[in-house]
Amino acid sequence: MPAYNPMPAYDRSVIHQDEIAATHAMSGLDLVQKLRPSFLSSRGALTVIGRQSQLPTVYVNGLRYGTMATLQEIPASQIAEIRMYRIGSASMFGAGEPAGVLAVTLRSR
C-alpha cells in the first residue's frame, strides 16, 4: 500500500522560486508588488501621539539591508525566496522591527 503523502499547505507569507521564475519582474520590489502586494501594507504602531505608519524592514541573507525602497536595487533574477515575518515572528531579528521584516534570500552562485 502506498504511503499517504498529503500536499503541503500553501504559505502566503513566502514568495517561492517557482513563482519568481514565472514572473517577468525586474526587481525585488516588482516581485512583491506583483505577487504579494499585502507585504507592502503599512503596519501602524499605536503611540500616545497617534498612529505611526511603518513598513517592514528588508533583510538580505540575514543582514539588515534597508527600507522597502531598497528592494528596487535587487534584481529579481538573483532572488531565491522572499519571506514576510509579521510583528510577532520578526522578533528573531531584534526588538527594533515593529512593522515586521521582509527577508530576502539570494540565489547561491
N, C-alpha and C. Protein backbone atom coordinates (compact mmCIF):
# COMPACT_ATOMS: atom_id res chain seq x y z
N MET A 1 0.84 -1.17 0.00
CA MET A 1 0.00 0.00 0.00
C MET A 1 0.90 1.25 0.00
N PRO A 2 0.65 2.22 -0.89
CA PRO A 2 1.48 3.43 -0.92
C PRO A 2 1.26 4.28 0.33
N ALA A 3 2.33 4.97 0.72
CA ALA A 3 2.26 5.84 1.90
C ALA A 3 1.42 7.06 1.60
N TYR A 4 0.69 7.51 2.59
CA TYR A 4 -0.12 8.73 2.47
C TYR A 4 0.80 9.94 2.46
N ASN A 5 0.70 10.76 1.45
CA ASN A 5 1.57 11.92 1.32
C ASN A 5 0.70 13.13 0.95
N PRO A 6 0.16 13.83 1.97
CA PRO A 6 -0.71 14.98 1.66
C PRO A 6 0.09 16.12 1.05
N MET A 7 -0.59 16.94 0.27
CA MET A 7 0.07 18.11 -0.30
C MET A 7 0.40 19.09 0.83
N PRO A 8 1.57 19.70 0.79
CA PRO A 8 1.91 20.67 1.83
C PRO A 8 1.01 21.90 1.70
N ALA A 9 0.75 22.54 2.81
CA ALA A 9 -0.07 23.75 2.82
C ALA A 9 0.67 24.88 2.11
N TYR A 10 -0.08 25.69 1.40
CA TYR A 10 0.49 26.83 0.67
C TYR A 10 0.70 27.97 1.65
N ASP A 11 1.89 28.48 1.72
CA ASP A 11 2.25 29.53 2.67
C ASP A 11 2.26 30.88 1.96
N ARG A 12 1.28 31.73 2.25
CA ARG A 12 1.18 33.04 1.60
C ARG A 12 2.22 34.03 2.12
N SER A 13 2.97 33.66 3.14
CA SER A 13 3.99 34.57 3.67
C SER A 13 5.34 34.38 2.95
N VAL A 14 5.36 33.51 1.94
CA VAL A 14 6.61 33.24 1.22
C VAL A 14 6.38 33.36 -0.29
N ILE A 15 7.31 34.01 -0.96
CA ILE A 15 7.34 34.01 -2.42
C ILE A 15 8.44 33.03 -2.80
N HIS A 16 8.05 31.93 -3.44
CA HIS A 16 8.98 30.84 -3.75
C HIS A 16 9.64 31.02 -5.12
N GLN A 17 10.68 30.26 -5.34
CA GLN A 17 11.47 30.31 -6.57
C GLN A 17 10.61 30.07 -7.81
N ASP A 18 9.68 29.12 -7.76
CA ASP A 18 8.87 28.85 -8.95
C ASP A 18 7.98 30.03 -9.32
N GLU A 19 7.48 30.75 -8.31
CA GLU A 19 6.68 31.95 -8.57
C GLU A 19 7.55 33.06 -9.16
N ILE A 20 8.75 33.19 -8.63
CA ILE A 20 9.68 34.23 -9.11
C ILE A 20 10.03 33.98 -10.57
N ALA A 21 10.31 32.72 -10.91
CA ALA A 21 10.67 32.38 -12.28
C ALA A 21 9.53 32.63 -13.26
N ALA A 22 8.28 32.46 -12.81
CA ALA A 22 7.13 32.65 -13.68
C ALA A 22 6.77 34.11 -13.88
N THR A 23 7.34 34.97 -13.06
CA THR A 23 7.06 36.40 -13.15
C THR A 23 8.19 37.08 -13.91
N HIS A 24 7.85 37.97 -14.76
CA HIS A 24 8.87 38.68 -15.53
C HIS A 24 9.18 40.01 -14.87
N ALA A 25 9.40 39.96 -13.56
CA ALA A 25 9.70 41.16 -12.80
C ALA A 25 11.18 41.51 -12.95
N MET A 26 11.47 42.78 -12.83
CA MET A 26 12.85 43.24 -12.97
C MET A 26 13.57 43.33 -11.63
N SER A 27 12.85 43.65 -10.56
CA SER A 27 13.49 43.86 -9.26
C SER A 27 12.69 43.15 -8.16
N GLY A 28 13.28 43.13 -6.98
CA GLY A 28 12.59 42.56 -5.83
C GLY A 28 11.30 43.30 -5.52
N LEU A 29 11.33 44.61 -5.68
CA LEU A 29 10.13 45.40 -5.43
C LEU A 29 9.04 45.05 -6.43
N ASP A 30 9.40 44.86 -7.69
CA ASP A 30 8.43 44.44 -8.71
C ASP A 30 7.80 43.10 -8.34
N LEU A 31 8.62 42.17 -7.87
CA LEU A 31 8.12 40.85 -7.45
C LEU A 31 7.07 40.99 -6.37
N VAL A 32 7.39 41.75 -5.34
CA VAL A 32 6.46 41.92 -4.22
C VAL A 32 5.18 42.61 -4.68
N GLN A 33 5.30 43.63 -5.50
CA GLN A 33 4.13 44.35 -5.99
C GLN A 33 3.22 43.44 -6.82
N LYS A 34 3.80 42.55 -7.61
CA LYS A 34 3.01 41.66 -8.46
C LYS A 34 2.45 40.45 -7.72
N LEU A 35 3.27 39.86 -6.84
CA LEU A 35 2.89 38.59 -6.24
C LEU A 35 2.27 38.69 -4.85
N ARG A 36 2.74 39.60 -4.02
CA ARG A 36 2.22 39.74 -2.65
C ARG A 36 2.12 41.21 -2.26
N PRO A 37 1.25 41.97 -2.89
CA PRO A 37 1.14 43.39 -2.53
C PRO A 37 0.79 43.61 -1.06
N SER A 38 0.25 42.60 -0.40
CA SER A 38 -0.06 42.73 1.03
C SER A 38 1.21 42.93 1.86
N PHE A 39 2.38 42.49 1.35
CA PHE A 39 3.64 42.70 2.05
C PHE A 39 3.96 44.19 2.18
N LEU A 40 3.40 44.99 1.28
CA LEU A 40 3.68 46.42 1.26
C LEU A 40 2.72 47.23 2.13
N SER A 41 1.77 46.54 2.75
CA SER A 41 0.81 47.27 3.57
C SER A 41 1.49 47.76 4.84
N SER A 42 1.16 48.97 5.19
CA SER A 42 1.74 49.62 6.35
C SER A 42 1.16 49.03 7.63
N ARG A 43 2.00 48.82 8.58
CA ARG A 43 1.56 48.38 9.91
C ARG A 43 1.78 49.55 10.84
N GLY A 44 0.73 50.07 11.38
CA GLY A 44 0.85 51.24 12.24
C GLY A 44 1.00 50.87 13.69
N ALA A 45 1.99 51.44 14.33
CA ALA A 45 2.19 51.23 15.76
C ALA A 45 1.42 52.33 16.49
N LEU A 46 0.63 51.95 17.46
CA LEU A 46 -0.15 52.91 18.21
C LEU A 46 0.70 53.51 19.32
N THR A 47 0.79 54.82 19.34
CA THR A 47 1.57 55.52 20.35
C THR A 47 0.68 56.54 21.05
N VAL A 48 1.23 57.22 22.06
CA VAL A 48 0.45 58.23 22.78
C VAL A 48 0.08 59.41 21.88
N ILE A 49 0.88 59.65 20.85
CA ILE A 49 0.60 60.79 19.99
C ILE A 49 -0.13 60.38 18.70
N GLY A 50 -0.54 59.15 18.63
CA GLY A 50 -1.28 58.71 17.45
C GLY A 50 -0.67 57.48 16.82
N ARG A 51 -1.00 57.24 15.58
CA ARG A 51 -0.54 56.05 14.87
C ARG A 51 0.67 56.40 14.02
N GLN A 52 1.74 55.64 14.18
CA GLN A 52 2.92 55.80 13.35
C GLN A 52 2.88 54.72 12.27
N SER A 53 2.87 55.14 11.03
CA SER A 53 2.80 54.20 9.93
C SER A 53 4.21 53.77 9.54
N GLN A 54 4.41 52.46 9.48
CA GLN A 54 5.73 51.93 9.14
C GLN A 54 5.59 50.75 8.20
N LEU A 55 6.59 50.56 7.38
CA LEU A 55 6.65 49.40 6.51
C LEU A 55 7.72 48.46 7.03
N PRO A 56 7.65 47.18 6.65
CA PRO A 56 8.65 46.22 7.10
C PRO A 56 10.07 46.61 6.70
N THR A 57 11.03 46.19 7.49
CA THR A 57 12.45 46.38 7.19
C THR A 57 12.91 45.22 6.31
N VAL A 58 13.78 45.49 5.37
CA VAL A 58 14.28 44.47 4.46
C VAL A 58 15.62 43.92 4.99
N TYR A 59 15.71 42.59 5.04
CA TYR A 59 16.94 41.89 5.37
C TYR A 59 17.31 41.04 4.17
N VAL A 60 18.59 41.00 3.83
CA VAL A 60 19.07 40.17 2.72
C VAL A 60 20.08 39.19 3.28
N ASN A 61 19.81 37.91 3.10
CA ASN A 61 20.65 36.83 3.62
C ASN A 61 20.96 37.03 5.10
N GLY A 62 19.96 37.46 5.86
CA GLY A 62 20.09 37.60 7.31
C GLY A 62 20.66 38.91 7.80
N LEU A 63 21.07 39.80 6.90
CA LEU A 63 21.65 41.08 7.30
C LEU A 63 20.69 42.21 6.96
N ARG A 64 20.59 43.17 7.87
CA ARG A 64 19.72 44.33 7.64
C ARG A 64 20.18 45.07 6.39
N TYR A 65 19.24 45.30 5.47
CA TYR A 65 19.57 45.90 4.18
C TYR A 65 19.00 47.31 4.05
N GLY A 66 17.80 47.53 4.55
CA GLY A 66 17.22 48.87 4.46
C GLY A 66 15.70 48.86 4.42
N THR A 67 15.16 49.87 3.78
CA THR A 67 13.71 50.03 3.70
C THR A 67 13.16 49.26 2.50
N MET A 68 11.85 49.27 2.37
CA MET A 68 11.22 48.59 1.24
C MET A 68 11.72 49.13 -0.09
N ALA A 69 12.05 50.41 -0.15
CA ALA A 69 12.54 51.02 -1.39
C ALA A 69 13.83 50.37 -1.87
N THR A 70 14.63 49.82 -0.96
CA THR A 70 15.89 49.19 -1.36
C THR A 70 15.68 47.90 -2.15
N LEU A 71 14.47 47.35 -2.12
CA LEU A 71 14.17 46.17 -2.93
C LEU A 71 14.33 46.47 -4.42
N GLN A 72 14.19 47.73 -4.78
CA GLN A 72 14.33 48.14 -6.18
C GLN A 72 15.76 47.87 -6.68
N GLU A 73 16.72 47.82 -5.76
CA GLU A 73 18.13 47.63 -6.12
C GLU A 73 18.49 46.16 -6.35
N ILE A 74 17.63 45.25 -5.97
CA ILE A 74 17.93 43.82 -6.07
C ILE A 74 17.28 43.24 -7.32
N PRO A 75 18.06 42.75 -8.27
CA PRO A 75 17.47 42.14 -9.47
C PRO A 75 16.67 40.88 -9.11
N ALA A 76 15.50 40.76 -9.68
CA ALA A 76 14.63 39.61 -9.40
C ALA A 76 15.33 38.30 -9.74
N SER A 77 16.17 38.31 -10.75
CA SER A 77 16.87 37.09 -11.17
C SER A 77 17.85 36.57 -10.13
N GLN A 78 18.21 37.40 -9.16
CA GLN A 78 19.14 36.97 -8.11
C GLN A 78 18.43 36.50 -6.84
N ILE A 79 17.11 36.54 -6.81
CA ILE A 79 16.36 36.22 -5.60
C ILE A 79 15.88 34.77 -5.64
N ALA A 80 16.16 34.05 -4.56
CA ALA A 80 15.70 32.67 -4.42
C ALA A 80 14.36 32.62 -3.68
N GLU A 81 14.17 33.52 -2.70
CA GLU A 81 12.95 33.49 -1.89
C GLU A 81 12.78 34.82 -1.18
N ILE A 82 11.53 35.20 -0.96
CA ILE A 82 11.20 36.36 -0.14
C ILE A 82 10.18 35.89 0.89
N ARG A 83 10.48 36.13 2.16
CA ARG A 83 9.61 35.67 3.25
C ARG A 83 9.22 36.86 4.12
N MET A 84 7.93 36.94 4.43
CA MET A 84 7.41 38.01 5.29
C MET A 84 7.27 37.50 6.71
N TYR A 85 7.90 38.21 7.65
CA TYR A 85 7.76 37.91 9.07
C TYR A 85 6.97 39.06 9.69
N ARG A 86 5.79 38.78 10.14
CA ARG A 86 4.97 39.81 10.77
C ARG A 86 5.51 40.12 12.16
N ILE A 87 4.91 41.05 12.83
CA ILE A 87 5.42 41.59 14.09
C ILE A 87 5.87 40.53 15.10
N GLY A 88 5.06 39.56 15.42
CA GLY A 88 5.41 38.56 16.42
C GLY A 88 6.61 37.72 16.03
N SER A 89 6.63 37.22 14.81
CA SER A 89 7.72 36.35 14.38
C SER A 89 8.97 37.13 13.98
N ALA A 90 8.86 38.44 13.81
CA ALA A 90 10.02 39.25 13.44
C ALA A 90 10.96 39.49 14.61
N SER A 91 10.56 39.07 15.80
CA SER A 91 11.40 39.30 16.98
C SER A 91 12.75 38.60 16.89
N MET A 92 12.88 37.59 16.05
CA MET A 92 14.18 36.91 15.89
C MET A 92 15.21 37.84 15.26
N PHE A 93 14.73 38.93 14.63
CA PHE A 93 15.64 39.91 14.03
C PHE A 93 15.96 41.05 15.00
N GLY A 94 15.34 41.03 16.16
CA GLY A 94 15.57 42.07 17.16
C GLY A 94 14.29 42.81 17.49
N ALA A 95 14.34 43.58 18.55
CA ALA A 95 13.15 44.28 19.02
C ALA A 95 12.86 45.53 18.21
N GLY A 96 13.76 45.97 17.38
CA GLY A 96 13.60 47.21 16.63
C GLY A 96 12.86 47.07 15.32
N GLU A 97 12.03 46.05 15.16
CA GLU A 97 11.31 45.84 13.91
C GLU A 97 9.79 45.82 14.17
N PRO A 98 9.22 46.96 14.54
CA PRO A 98 7.81 47.00 14.92
C PRO A 98 6.84 46.75 13.76
N ALA A 99 7.29 46.88 12.52
CA ALA A 99 6.41 46.67 11.38
C ALA A 99 6.67 45.34 10.68
N GLY A 100 7.55 44.52 11.24
CA GLY A 100 7.87 43.24 10.64
C GLY A 100 9.12 43.29 9.79
N VAL A 101 9.44 42.16 9.18
CA VAL A 101 10.66 42.01 8.39
C VAL A 101 10.33 41.29 7.09
N LEU A 102 10.90 41.77 6.02
CA LEU A 102 10.84 41.11 4.73
C LEU A 102 12.24 40.53 4.50
N ALA A 103 12.35 39.20 4.59
CA ALA A 103 13.65 38.53 4.48
C ALA A 103 13.84 38.01 3.06
N VAL A 104 14.88 38.49 2.40
CA VAL A 104 15.21 38.10 1.03
C VAL A 104 16.39 37.14 1.07
N THR A 105 16.26 36.02 0.42
CA THR A 105 17.36 35.07 0.30
C THR A 105 17.80 35.10 -1.16
N LEU A 106 19.08 35.39 -1.35
CA LEU A 106 19.62 35.44 -2.71
C LEU A 106 20.02 34.04 -3.18
N ARG A 107 20.01 33.87 -4.47
CA ARG A 107 20.46 32.60 -5.05
C ARG A 107 21.93 32.41 -4.81
N SER A 108 22.34 31.19 -4.59
CA SER A 108 23.78 30.93 -4.48
C SER A 108 24.30 30.72 -5.89
N ARG A 109 25.51 31.09 -6.11
CA ARG A 109 26.08 31.03 -7.47
C ARG A 109 26.64 29.69 -7.77
